[in-house]
Amino acid sequence: MGKLVRDRIPDIIREHGGEPVVTVLGDADYRRALLEKLFEESTELSEAAATEVAEEIADVLEVLRAIAQVHGHEWRDIEKISEAKRAERGAFLERIHLG
């Protein structure tokens, strides 16, 4: 079973003597694969050692950027929406947990 990988991964595999089996996904499969990748990267983030957190956050961010793009959104527009939500509802800085 395959998985979505970054664009340069097949080249890197070739550079190390491998021959990757590559499929270019259609729109629906790509969207589904991105959501699977987001779950995978989020899981890796949740399990990361403190020294690995920044790298795992970067992986999650890259997947989120691709999800935005495939749905026709510019990243700067996502950031504006985020800022507006933060202004209206706050962030998560105060560590408030309802329950």
PDB file of N, CA and C in Angstrom:
ATOM      1  N   MET A   1       0.847  -1.184   0.000  1.00  0.00           N
ATOM      2  CA  MET A   1       0.000   0.000   0.000  1.00  0.00           C
ATOM      3  C   MET A   1       0.890   1.243   0.000  1.00  0.00           C
ATOM      4  N   GLY A   2       0.632   2.150  -0.879  1.00  0.00           N
ATOM      5  CA  GLY A   2       1.446   3.341  -1.001  1.00  0.00           C
ATOM      6  C   GLY A   2       0.957   4.480  -0.127  1.00  0.00           C
ATOM      7  N   LYS A   3       1.664   5.579  -0.212  1.00  0.00           N
ATOM      8  CA  LYS A   3       1.272   6.767   0.529  1.00  0.00           C
ATOM      9  C   LYS A   3       1.742   8.005  -0.218  1.00  0.00           C
ATOM     10  N   LEU A   4       1.115   9.108   0.048  1.00  0.00           N
ATOM     11  CA  LEU A   4       1.499  10.384  -0.531  1.00  0.00           C
ATOM     12  C   LEU A   4       2.846  10.802   0.040  1.00  0.00           C
ATOM     13  N   VAL A   5       3.742  11.238  -0.851  1.00  0.00           N
ATOM     14  CA  VAL A   5       5.062  11.685  -0.418  1.00  0.00           C
ATOM     15  C   VAL A   5       5.369  13.040  -1.037  1.00  0.00           C
ATOM     16  N   ARG A   6       6.355  13.715  -0.480  1.00  0.00           N
ATOM     17  CA  ARG A   6       6.791  14.994  -1.038  1.00  0.00           C
ATOM     18  C   ARG A   6       7.328  14.786  -2.451  1.00  0.00           C
ATOM     19  N   ASP A   7       7.257  15.847  -3.246  1.00  0.00           N
ATOM     20  CA  ASP A   7       7.553  15.788  -4.676  1.00  0.00           C
ATOM     21  C   ASP A   7       8.942  15.246  -5.017  1.00  0.00           C
ATOM     22  N   ARG A   8       9.928  15.520  -4.198  1.00  0.00           N
ATOM     23  CA  ARG A   8      11.296  15.110  -4.527  1.00  0.00           C
ATOM     24  C   ARG A   8      11.676  13.714  -4.029  1.00  0.00           C
ATOM     25  N   ILE A   9      10.783  13.063  -3.310  1.00  0.00           N
ATOM     26  CA  ILE A   9      11.106  11.744  -2.748  1.00  0.00           C
ATOM     27  C   ILE A   9      11.462  10.713  -3.827  1.00  0.00           C
ATOM     28  N   PRO A  10      10.720  10.621  -4.946  1.00  0.00           N
ATOM     29  CA  PRO A  10      11.136   9.653  -5.967  1.00  0.00           C
ATOM     30  C   PRO A  10      12.553   9.916  -6.489  1.00  0.00           C
ATOM     31  N   ASP A  11      12.917  11.184  -6.676  1.00  0.00           N
ATOM     32  CA  ASP A  11      14.277  11.515  -7.115  1.00  0.00           C
ATOM     33  C   ASP A  11      15.309  11.085  -6.087  1.00  0.00           C
ATOM     34  N   ILE A  12      15.003  11.302  -4.829  1.00  0.00           N
ATOM     35  CA  ILE A  12      15.932  10.912  -3.753  1.00  0.00           C
ATOM     36  C   ILE A  12      16.108   9.402  -3.724  1.00  0.00           C
ATOM     37  N   ILE A  13      15.014   8.673  -3.927  1.00  0.00           N
ATOM     38  CA  ILE A  13      15.103   7.202  -3.976  1.00  0.00           C
ATOM     39  C   ILE A  13      15.989   6.773  -5.142  1.00  0.00           C
ATOM     40  N   ARG A  14      15.794   7.398  -6.308  1.00  0.00           N
ATOM     41  CA  ARG A  14      16.626   7.083  -7.479  1.00  0.00           C
ATOM     42  C   ARG A  14      18.101   7.389  -7.211  1.00  0.00           C
ATOM     43  N   GLU A  15      18.368   8.524  -6.557  1.00  0.00           N
ATOM     44  CA  GLU A  15      19.749   8.903  -6.248  1.00  0.00           C
ATOM     45  C   GLU A  15      20.442   7.872  -5.361  1.00  0.00           C
ATOM     46  N   HIS A  16      19.642   7.118  -4.610  1.00  0.00           N
ATOM     47  CA  HIS A  16      20.192   6.084  -3.728  1.00  0.00           C
ATOM     48  C   HIS A  16      20.086   4.689  -4.350  1.00  0.00           C
ATOM     49  N   GLY A  17      19.862   4.651  -5.677  1.00  0.00           N
ATOM     50  CA  GLY A  17      19.878   3.377  -6.385  1.00  0.00           C
ATOM     51  C   GLY A  17      18.549   2.646  -6.456  1.00  0.00           C
ATOM     52  N   GLY A  18      17.499   3.204  -5.903  1.00  0.00           N
ATOM     53  CA  GLY A  18      16.196   2.554  -5.942  1.00  0.00           C
ATOM     54  C   GLY A  18      15.406   2.928  -7.186  1.00  0.00           C
ATOM     55  N   GLU A  19      14.329   2.220  -7.408  1.00  0.00           N
ATOM     56  CA  GLU A  19      13.427   2.526  -8.519  1.00  0.00           C
ATOM     57  C   GLU A  19      12.007   2.591  -7.955  1.00  0.00           C
ATOM     58  N   PRO A  20      11.547   3.802  -7.641  1.00  0.00           N
ATOM     59  CA  PRO A  20      10.235   3.945  -7.020  1.00  0.00           C
ATOM     60  C   PRO A  20       9.099   3.653  -8.001  1.00  0.00           C
ATOM     61  N   VAL A  21       8.020   3.116  -7.476  1.00  0.00           N
ATOM     62  CA  VAL A  21       6.793   2.921  -8.243  1.00  0.00           C
ATOM     63  C   VAL A  21       5.911   4.128  -7.935  1.00  0.00           C
ATOM     64  N   VAL A  22       5.659   4.944  -8.954  1.00  0.00           N
ATOM     65  CA  VAL A  22       5.001   6.222  -8.761  1.00  0.00           C
ATOM     66  C   VAL A  22       3.667   6.249  -9.500  1.00  0.00           C
ATOM     67  N   THR A  23       2.642   6.769  -8.834  1.00  0.00           N
ATOM     68  CA  THR A  23       1.340   7.013  -9.433  1.00  0.00           C
ATOM     69  C   THR A  23       0.991   8.465  -9.174  1.00  0.00           C
ATOM     70  N   VAL A  24       0.502   9.158 -10.189  1.00  0.00           N
ATOM     71  CA  VAL A  24       0.010  10.519  -9.999  1.00  0.00           C
ATOM     72  C   VAL A  24      -1.496  10.419  -9.751  1.00  0.00           C
ATOM     73  N   LEU A  25      -1.924  10.945  -8.618  1.00  0.00           N
ATOM     74  CA  LEU A  25      -3.313  10.808  -8.200  1.00  0.00           C
ATOM     75  C   LEU A  25      -4.231  11.802  -8.898  1.00  0.00           C
ATOM     76  N   GLY A  26      -5.456  11.383  -9.120  1.00  0.00           N
ATOM     77  CA  GLY A  26      -6.494  12.285  -9.590  1.00  0.00           C
ATOM     78  C   GLY A  26      -6.981  13.142  -8.436  1.00  0.00           C
ATOM     79  N   ASP A  27      -7.857  14.081  -8.728  1.00  0.00           N
ATOM     80  CA  ASP A  27      -8.305  15.052  -7.727  1.00  0.00           C
ATOM     81  C   ASP A  27      -8.894  14.417  -6.470  1.00  0.00           C
ATOM     82  N   ALA A  28      -9.861  13.531  -6.633  1.00  0.00           N
ATOM     83  CA  ALA A  28     -10.530  12.937  -5.463  1.00  0.00           C
ATOM     84  C   ALA A  28      -9.555  12.113  -4.628  1.00  0.00           C
ATOM     85  N   ASP A  29      -8.733  11.304  -5.298  1.00  0.00           N
ATOM     86  CA  ASP A  29      -7.755  10.490  -4.564  1.00  0.00           C
ATOM     87  C   ASP A  29      -6.704  11.356  -3.891  1.00  0.00           C
ATOM     88  N   TYR A  30      -6.324  12.451  -4.553  1.00  0.00           N
ATOM     89  CA  TYR A  30      -5.344  13.369  -3.963  1.00  0.00           C
ATOM     90  C   TYR A  30      -5.899  14.010  -2.701  1.00  0.00           C
ATOM     91  N   ARG A  31      -7.137  14.467  -2.739  1.00  0.00           N
ATOM     92  CA  ARG A  31      -7.755  15.061  -1.545  1.00  0.00           C
ATOM     93  C   ARG A  31      -7.804  14.055  -0.400  1.00  0.00           C
ATOM     94  N   ARG A  32      -8.196  12.833  -0.710  1.00  0.00           N
ATOM     95  CA  ARG A  32      -8.271  11.780   0.302  1.00  0.00           C
ATOM     96  C   ARG A  32      -6.869  11.478   0.857  1.00  0.00           C
ATOM     97  N   ALA A  33      -5.881  11.406  -0.035  1.00  0.00           N
ATOM     98  CA  ALA A  33      -4.506  11.118   0.392  1.00  0.00           C
ATOM     99  C   ALA A  33      -3.950  12.234   1.264  1.00  0.00           C
ATOM    100  N   LEU A  34      -4.312  13.475   0.953  1.00  0.00           N
ATOM    101  CA  LEU A  34      -3.856  14.598   1.785  1.00  0.00           C
ATOM    102  C   LEU A  34      -4.418  14.500   3.201  1.00  0.00           C
ATOM    103  N   LEU A  35      -5.682  14.129   3.330  1.00  0.00           N
ATOM    104  CA  LEU A  35      -6.268  13.987   4.665  1.00  0.00           C
ATOM    105  C   LEU A  35      -5.620  12.830   5.425  1.00  0.00           C
ATOM    106  N   GLU A  36      -5.328  11.734   4.714  1.00  0.00           N
ATOM    107  CA  GLU A  36      -4.605  10.622   5.347  1.00  0.00           C
ATOM    108  C   GLU A  36      -3.212  11.077   5.793  1.00  0.00           C
ATOM    109  N   LYS A  37      -2.557  11.872   4.949  1.00  0.00           N
ATOM    110  CA  LYS A  37      -1.216  12.375   5.278  1.00  0.00           C
ATOM    111  C   LYS A  37      -1.271  13.312   6.476  1.00  0.00           C
ATOM    112  N   LEU A  38      -2.319  14.134   6.550  1.00  0.00           N
ATOM    113  CA  LEU A  38      -2.473  15.030   7.696  1.00  0.00           C
ATOM    114  C   LEU A  38      -2.603  14.220   8.981  1.00  0.00           C
ATOM    115  N   PHE A  39      -3.379  13.162   8.946  1.00  0.00           N
ATOM    116  CA  PHE A  39      -3.512  12.291  10.115  1.00  0.00           C
ATOM    117  C   PHE A  39      -2.162  11.663  10.461  1.00  0.00           C
ATOM    118  N   GLU A  40      -1.447  11.162   9.452  1.00  0.00           N
ATOM    119  CA  GLU A  40      -0.132  10.554   9.676  1.00  0.00           C
ATOM    120  C   GLU A  40       0.839  11.544  10.313  1.00  0.00           C
ATOM    121  N   GLU A  41       0.916  12.743   9.744  1.00  0.00           N
ATOM    122  CA  GLU A  41       1.846  13.748  10.260  1.00  0.00           C
ATOM    123  C   GLU A  41       1.433  14.242  11.643  1.00  0.00           C
ATOM    124  N   SER A  42       0.138  14.353  11.890  1.00  0.00           N
ATOM    125  CA  SER A  42      -0.344  14.759  13.222  1.00  0.00           C
ATOM    126  C   SER A  42       0.005  13.711  14.260  1.00  0.00           C
ATOM    127  N   THR A  43      -0.111  12.450  13.889  1.00  0.00           N
ATOM    128  CA  THR A  43       0.265  11.364  14.802  1.00  0.00           C
ATOM    129  C   THR A  43       1.762  11.426  15.107  1.00  0.00           C
ATOM    130  N   GLU A  44       2.573  11.655  14.067  1.00  0.00           N
ATOM    131  CA  GLU A  44       4.013  11.778  14.286  1.00  0.00           C
ATOM    132  C   GLU A  44       4.330  12.961  15.197  1.00  0.00           C
ATOM    133  N   LEU A  45       3.609  14.055  15.031  1.00  0.00           N
ATOM    134  CA  LEU A  45       3.798  15.214  15.903  1.00  0.00           C
ATOM    135  C   LEU A  45       3.451  14.865  17.350  1.00  0.00           C
ATOM    136  N   SER A  46       2.350  14.160  17.536  1.00  0.00           N
ATOM    137  CA  SER A  46       1.934  13.825  18.903  1.00  0.00           C
ATOM    138  C   SER A  46       2.914  12.885  19.595  1.00  0.00           C
ATOM    139  N   GLU A  47       3.682  12.135  18.814  1.00  0.00           N
ATOM    140  CA  GLU A  47       4.632  11.178  19.372  1.00  0.00           C
ATOM    141  C   GLU A  47       6.078  11.683  19.346  1.00  0.00           C
ATOM    142  N   ALA A  48       6.290  12.890  18.844  1.00  0.00           N
ATOM    143  CA  ALA A  48       7.649  13.409  18.648  1.00  0.00           C
ATOM    144  C   ALA A  48       8.323  13.773  19.967  1.00  0.00           C
ATOM    145  N   ALA A  49       9.625  13.547  19.994  1.00  0.00           N
ATOM    146  CA  ALA A  49      10.438  14.034  21.102  1.00  0.00           C
ATOM    147  C   ALA A  49      10.531  15.551  20.984  1.00  0.00           C
ATOM    148  N   ALA A  50      10.857  16.200  22.072  1.00  0.00           N
ATOM    149  CA  ALA A  50      10.930  17.664  22.087  1.00  0.00           C
ATOM    150  C   ALA A  50      11.854  18.203  20.995  1.00  0.00           C
ATOM    151  N   THR A  51      12.913  17.501  20.701  1.00  0.00           N
ATOM    152  CA  THR A  51      13.865  17.958  19.687  1.00  0.00           C
ATOM    153  C   THR A  51      13.342  17.788  18.262  1.00  0.00           C
ATOM    154  N   GLU A  52      12.255  17.035  18.091  1.00  0.00           N
ATOM    155  CA  GLU A  52      11.693  16.763  16.771  1.00  0.00           C
ATOM    156  C   GLU A  52      10.415  17.548  16.487  1.00  0.00           C
ATOM    157  N   VAL A  53       9.898  18.265  17.471  1.00  0.00           N
ATOM    158  CA  VAL A  53       8.592  18.925  17.341  1.00  0.00           C
ATOM    159  C   VAL A  53       8.575  19.932  16.193  1.00  0.00           C
ATOM    160  N   ALA A  54       9.570  20.774  16.079  1.00  0.00           N
ATOM    161  CA  ALA A  54       9.574  21.798  15.025  1.00  0.00           C
ATOM    162  C   ALA A  54       9.525  21.165  13.643  1.00  0.00           C
ATOM    163  N   GLU A  55      10.285  20.110  13.437  1.00  0.00           N
ATOM    164  CA  GLU A  55      10.285  19.429  12.143  1.00  0.00           C
ATOM    165  C   GLU A  55       8.923  18.813  11.842  1.00  0.00           C
ATOM    166  N   GLU A  56       8.292  18.233  12.837  1.00  0.00           N
ATOM    167  CA  GLU A  56       6.972  17.626  12.640  1.00  0.00           C
ATOM    168  C   GLU A  56       5.902  18.701  12.391  1.00  0.00           C
ATOM    169  N   ILE A  57       6.016  19.837  13.061  1.00  0.00           N
ATOM    170  CA  ILE A  57       5.093  20.943  12.796  1.00  0.00           C
ATOM    171  C   ILE A  57       5.249  21.398  11.348  1.00  0.00           C
ATOM    172  N   ALA A  58       6.474  21.461  10.863  1.00  0.00           N
ATOM    173  CA  ALA A  58       6.726  21.851   9.473  1.00  0.00           C
ATOM    174  C   ALA A  58       6.070  20.869   8.505  1.00  0.00           C
ATOM    175  N   ASP A  59       6.099  19.586   8.831  1.00  0.00           N
ATOM    176  CA  ASP A  59       5.438  18.587   7.980  1.00  0.00           C
ATOM    177  C   ASP A  59       3.925  18.787   7.962  1.00  0.00           C
ATOM    178  N   VAL A  60       3.341  19.018   9.122  1.00  0.00           N
ATOM    179  CA  VAL A  60       1.895  19.278   9.203  1.00  0.00           C
ATOM    180  C   VAL A  60       1.549  20.527   8.400  1.00  0.00           C
ATOM    181  N   LEU A  61       2.349  21.564   8.552  1.00  0.00           N
ATOM    182  CA  LEU A  61       2.113  22.816   7.831  1.00  0.00           C
ATOM    183  C   LEU A  61       2.143  22.602   6.315  1.00  0.00           C
ATOM    184  N   GLU A  62       3.081  21.817   5.831  1.00  0.00           N
ATOM    185  CA  GLU A  62       3.181  21.575   4.385  1.00  0.00           C
ATOM    186  C   GLU A  62       1.938  20.859   3.864  1.00  0.00           C
ATOM    187  N   VAL A  63       1.431  19.903   4.637  1.00  0.00           N
ATOM    188  CA  VAL A  63       0.209  19.207   4.235  1.00  0.00           C
ATOM    189  C   VAL A  63      -0.976  20.172   4.250  1.00  0.00           C
ATOM    190  N   LEU A  64      -1.066  21.014   5.267  1.00  0.00           N
ATOM    191  CA  LEU A  64      -2.154  21.993   5.328  1.00  0.00           C
ATOM    192  C   LEU A  64      -2.101  22.954   4.148  1.00  0.00           C
ATOM    193  N   ARG A  65      -0.921  23.366   3.760  1.00  0.00           N
ATOM    194  CA  ARG A  65      -0.784  24.242   2.585  1.00  0.00           C
ATOM    195  C   ARG A  65      -1.287  23.547   1.322  1.00  0.00           C
ATOM    196  N   ALA A  66      -0.962  22.277   1.173  1.00  0.00           N
ATOM    197  CA  ALA A  66      -1.422  21.526   0.000  1.00  0.00           C
ATOM    198  C   ALA A  66      -2.939  21.363   0.014  1.00  0.00           C
ATOM    199  N   ILE A  67      -3.525  21.129   1.191  1.00  0.00           N
ATOM    200  CA  ILE A  67      -4.985  21.011   1.299  1.00  0.00           C
ATOM    201  C   ILE A  67      -5.637  22.328   0.909  1.00  0.00           C
ATOM    202  N   ALA A  68      -5.102  23.428   1.388  1.00  0.00           N
ATOM    203  CA  ALA A  68      -5.648  24.742   1.026  1.00  0.00           C
ATOM    204  C   ALA A  68      -5.583  24.930  -0.485  1.00  0.00           C
ATOM    205  N   GLN A  69      -4.435  24.629  -1.077  1.00  0.00           N
ATOM    206  CA  GLN A  69      -4.238  24.825  -2.511  1.00  0.00           C
ATOM    207  C   GLN A  69      -5.199  23.975  -3.337  1.00  0.00           C
ATOM    208  N   VAL A  70      -5.370  22.719  -2.969  1.00  0.00           N
ATOM    209  CA  VAL A  70      -6.225  21.825  -3.753  1.00  0.00           C
ATOM    210  C   VAL A  70      -7.694  22.246  -3.680  1.00  0.00           C
ATOM    211  N   HIS A  71      -8.033  22.992  -2.647  1.00  0.00           N
ATOM    212  CA  HIS A  71      -9.401  23.512  -2.516  1.00  0.00           C
ATOM    213  C   HIS A  71      -9.522  24.939  -3.035  1.00  0.00           C
ATOM    214  N   GLY A  72      -8.461  25.432  -3.665  1.00  0.00           N
ATOM    215  CA  GLY A  72      -8.512  26.735  -4.310  1.00  0.00           C
ATOM    216  C   GLY A  72      -8.274  27.931  -3.409  1.00  0.00           C
ATOM    217  N   HIS A  73      -7.641  27.717  -2.260  1.00  0.00           N
ATOM    218  CA  HIS A  73      -7.376  28.802  -1.318  1.00  0.00           C
ATOM    219  C   HIS A  73      -5.900  29.172  -1.304  1.00  0.00           C
ATOM    220  N   GLU A  74      -5.618  30.455  -1.321  1.00  0.00           N
ATOM    221  CA  GLU A  74      -4.253  30.934  -1.148  1.00  0.00           C
ATOM    222  C   GLU A  74      -3.906  30.880   0.339  1.00  0.00           C
ATOM    223  N   TRP A  75      -2.662  30.539   0.651  1.00  0.00           N
ATOM    224  CA  TRP A  75      -2.262  30.416   2.063  1.00  0.00           C
ATOM    225  C   TRP A  75      -2.423  31.732   2.811  1.00  0.00           C
ATOM    226  N   ARG A  76      -2.136  32.838   2.153  1.00  0.00           N
ATOM    227  CA  ARG A  76      -2.279  34.142   2.821  1.00  0.00           C
ATOM    228  C   ARG A  76      -3.735  34.395   3.223  1.00  0.00           C
ATOM    229  N   ASP A  77      -4.694  33.873   2.439  1.00  0.00           N
ATOM    230  CA  ASP A  77      -6.109  34.018   2.800  1.00  0.00           C
ATOM    231  C   ASP A  77      -6.441  33.165   4.022  1.00  0.00           C
ATOM    232  N   ILE A  78      -5.844  31.993   4.108  1.00  0.00           N
ATOM    233  CA  ILE A  78      -6.034  31.139   5.289  1.00  0.00           C
ATOM    234  C   ILE A  78      -5.491  31.860   6.527  1.00  0.00           C
ATOM    235  N   GLU A  79      -4.345  32.495   6.391  1.00  0.00           N
ATOM    236  CA  GLU A  79      -3.762  33.226   7.516  1.00  0.00           C
ATOM    237  C   GLU A  79      -4.670  34.390   7.941  1.00  0.00           C
ATOM    238  N   LYS A  80      -5.279  35.077   6.989  1.00  0.00           N
ATOM    239  CA  LYS A  80      -6.203  36.167   7.313  1.00  0.00           C
ATOM    240  C   LYS A  80      -7.427  35.646   8.066  1.00  0.00           C
ATOM    241  N   ILE A  81      -7.958  34.525   7.626  1.00  0.00           N
ATOM    242  CA  ILE A  81      -9.097  33.913   8.315  1.00  0.00           C
ATOM    243  C   ILE A  81      -8.696  33.519   9.728  1.00  0.00           C
ATOM    244  N   SER A  82      -7.503  32.961   9.862  1.00  0.00           N
ATOM    245  CA  SER A  82      -6.998  32.568  11.172  1.00  0.00           C
ATOM    246  C   SER A  82      -6.873  33.774  12.101  1.00  0.00           C
ATOM    247  N   GLU A  83      -6.340  34.863  11.577  1.00  0.00           N
ATOM    248  CA  GLU A  83      -6.195  36.087  12.377  1.00  0.00           C
ATOM    249  C   GLU A  83      -7.556  36.624  12.810  1.00  0.00           C
ATOM    250  N   ALA A  84      -8.536  36.589  11.910  1.00  0.00           N
ATOM    251  CA  ALA A  84      -9.874  37.064  12.244  1.00  0.00           C
ATOM    252  C   ALA A  84     -10.507  36.191  13.331  1.00  0.00           C
ATOM    253  N   LYS A  85     -10.343  34.877  13.223  1.00  0.00           N
ATOM    254  CA  LYS A  85     -10.884  33.972  14.246  1.00  0.00           C
ATOM    255  C   LYS A  85     -10.192  34.190  15.586  1.00  0.00           C
ATOM    256  N   ARG A  86      -8.882  34.417  15.523  1.00  0.00           N
ATOM    257  CA  ARG A  86      -8.130  34.677  16.758  1.00  0.00           C
ATOM    258  C   ARG A  86      -8.624  35.950  17.423  1.00  0.00           C
ATOM    259  N   ALA A  87      -8.885  36.995  16.624  1.00  0.00           N
ATOM    260  CA  ALA A  87      -9.371  38.263  17.163  1.00  0.00           C
ATOM    261  C   ALA A  87     -10.774  38.101  17.764  1.00  0.00           C
ATOM    262  N   GLU A  88     -11.609  37.305  17.123  1.00  0.00           N
ATOM    263  CA  GLU A  88     -12.994  37.128  17.581  1.00  0.00           C
ATOM    264  C   GLU A  88     -13.106  36.155  18.748  1.00  0.00           C
ATOM    265  N   ARG A  89     -12.387  35.033  18.669  1.00  0.00           N
ATOM    266  CA  ARG A  89     -12.564  33.945  19.637  1.00  0.00           C
ATOM    267  C   ARG A  89     -11.359  33.707  20.538  1.00  0.00           C
ATOM    268  N   GLY A  90     -10.243  34.336  20.206  1.00  0.00           N
ATOM    269  CA  GLY A  90      -9.027  34.113  20.976  1.00  0.00           C
ATOM    270  C   GLY A  90      -8.186  33.013  20.368  1.00  0.00           C
ATOM    271  N   ALA A  91      -7.086  32.727  21.033  1.00  0.00           N
ATOM    272  CA  ALA A  91      -6.172  31.673  20.580  1.00  0.00           C
ATOM    273  C   ALA A  91      -6.285  30.506  21.563  1.00  0.00           C
ATOM    274  N   PHE A  92      -5.198  29.875  21.839  1.00  0.00           N
ATOM    275  CA  PHE A  92      -5.160  28.778  22.817  1.00  0.00           C
ATOM    276  C   PHE A  92      -4.095  29.037  23.868  1.00  0.00           C
ATOM    277  N   LEU A  93      -3.717  30.293  24.041  1.00  0.00           N
ATOM    278  CA  LEU A  93      -2.609  30.654  24.915  1.00  0.00           C
ATOM    279  C   LEU A  93      -2.919  30.475  26.402  1.00  0.00           C
ATOM    280  N   GLU A  94      -4.179  30.616  26.761  1.00  0.00           N
ATOM    281  CA  GLU A  94      -4.535  30.542  28.186  1.00  0.00           C
ATOM    282  C   GLU A  94      -4.823  29.121  28.665  1.00  0.00           C
ATOM    283  N   ARG A  95      -4.712  28.157  27.761  1.00  0.00           N
ATOM    284  CA  ARG A  95      -4.823  26.741  28.096  1.00  0.00           C
ATOM    285  C   ARG A  95      -6.171  26.370  28.697  1.00  0.00           C
ATOM    286  N   ILE A  96      -7.232  27.038  28.295  1.00  0.00           N
ATOM    287  CA  ILE A  96      -8.566  26.817  28.844  1.00  0.00           C
ATOM    288  C   ILE A  96      -9.120  25.501  28.309  1.00  0.00           C
ATOM    289  N   HIS A  97      -9.611  24.669  29.220  1.00  0.00           N
ATOM    290  CA  HIS A  97     -10.189  23.374  28.872  1.00  0.00           C
ATOM    291  C   HIS A  97     -11.593  23.319  29.440  1.00  0.00           C
ATOM    292  N   LEU A  98     -12.601  23.164  28.589  1.00  0.00           N
ATOM    293  CA  LEU A  98     -13.971  23.049  29.063  1.00  0.00           C
ATOM    294  C   LEU A  98     -14.299  21.594  29.322  1.00  0.00           C
ATOM    295  N   GLY A  99     -15.080  21.372  30.308  1.00  0.00           N
ATOM    296  CA  GLY A  99     -15.472  19.986  30.510  1.00  0.00           C
ATOM    297  C   GLY A  99     -16.049  19.779  31.842  1.00  0.00           C
TER     298      GLY A  99
END
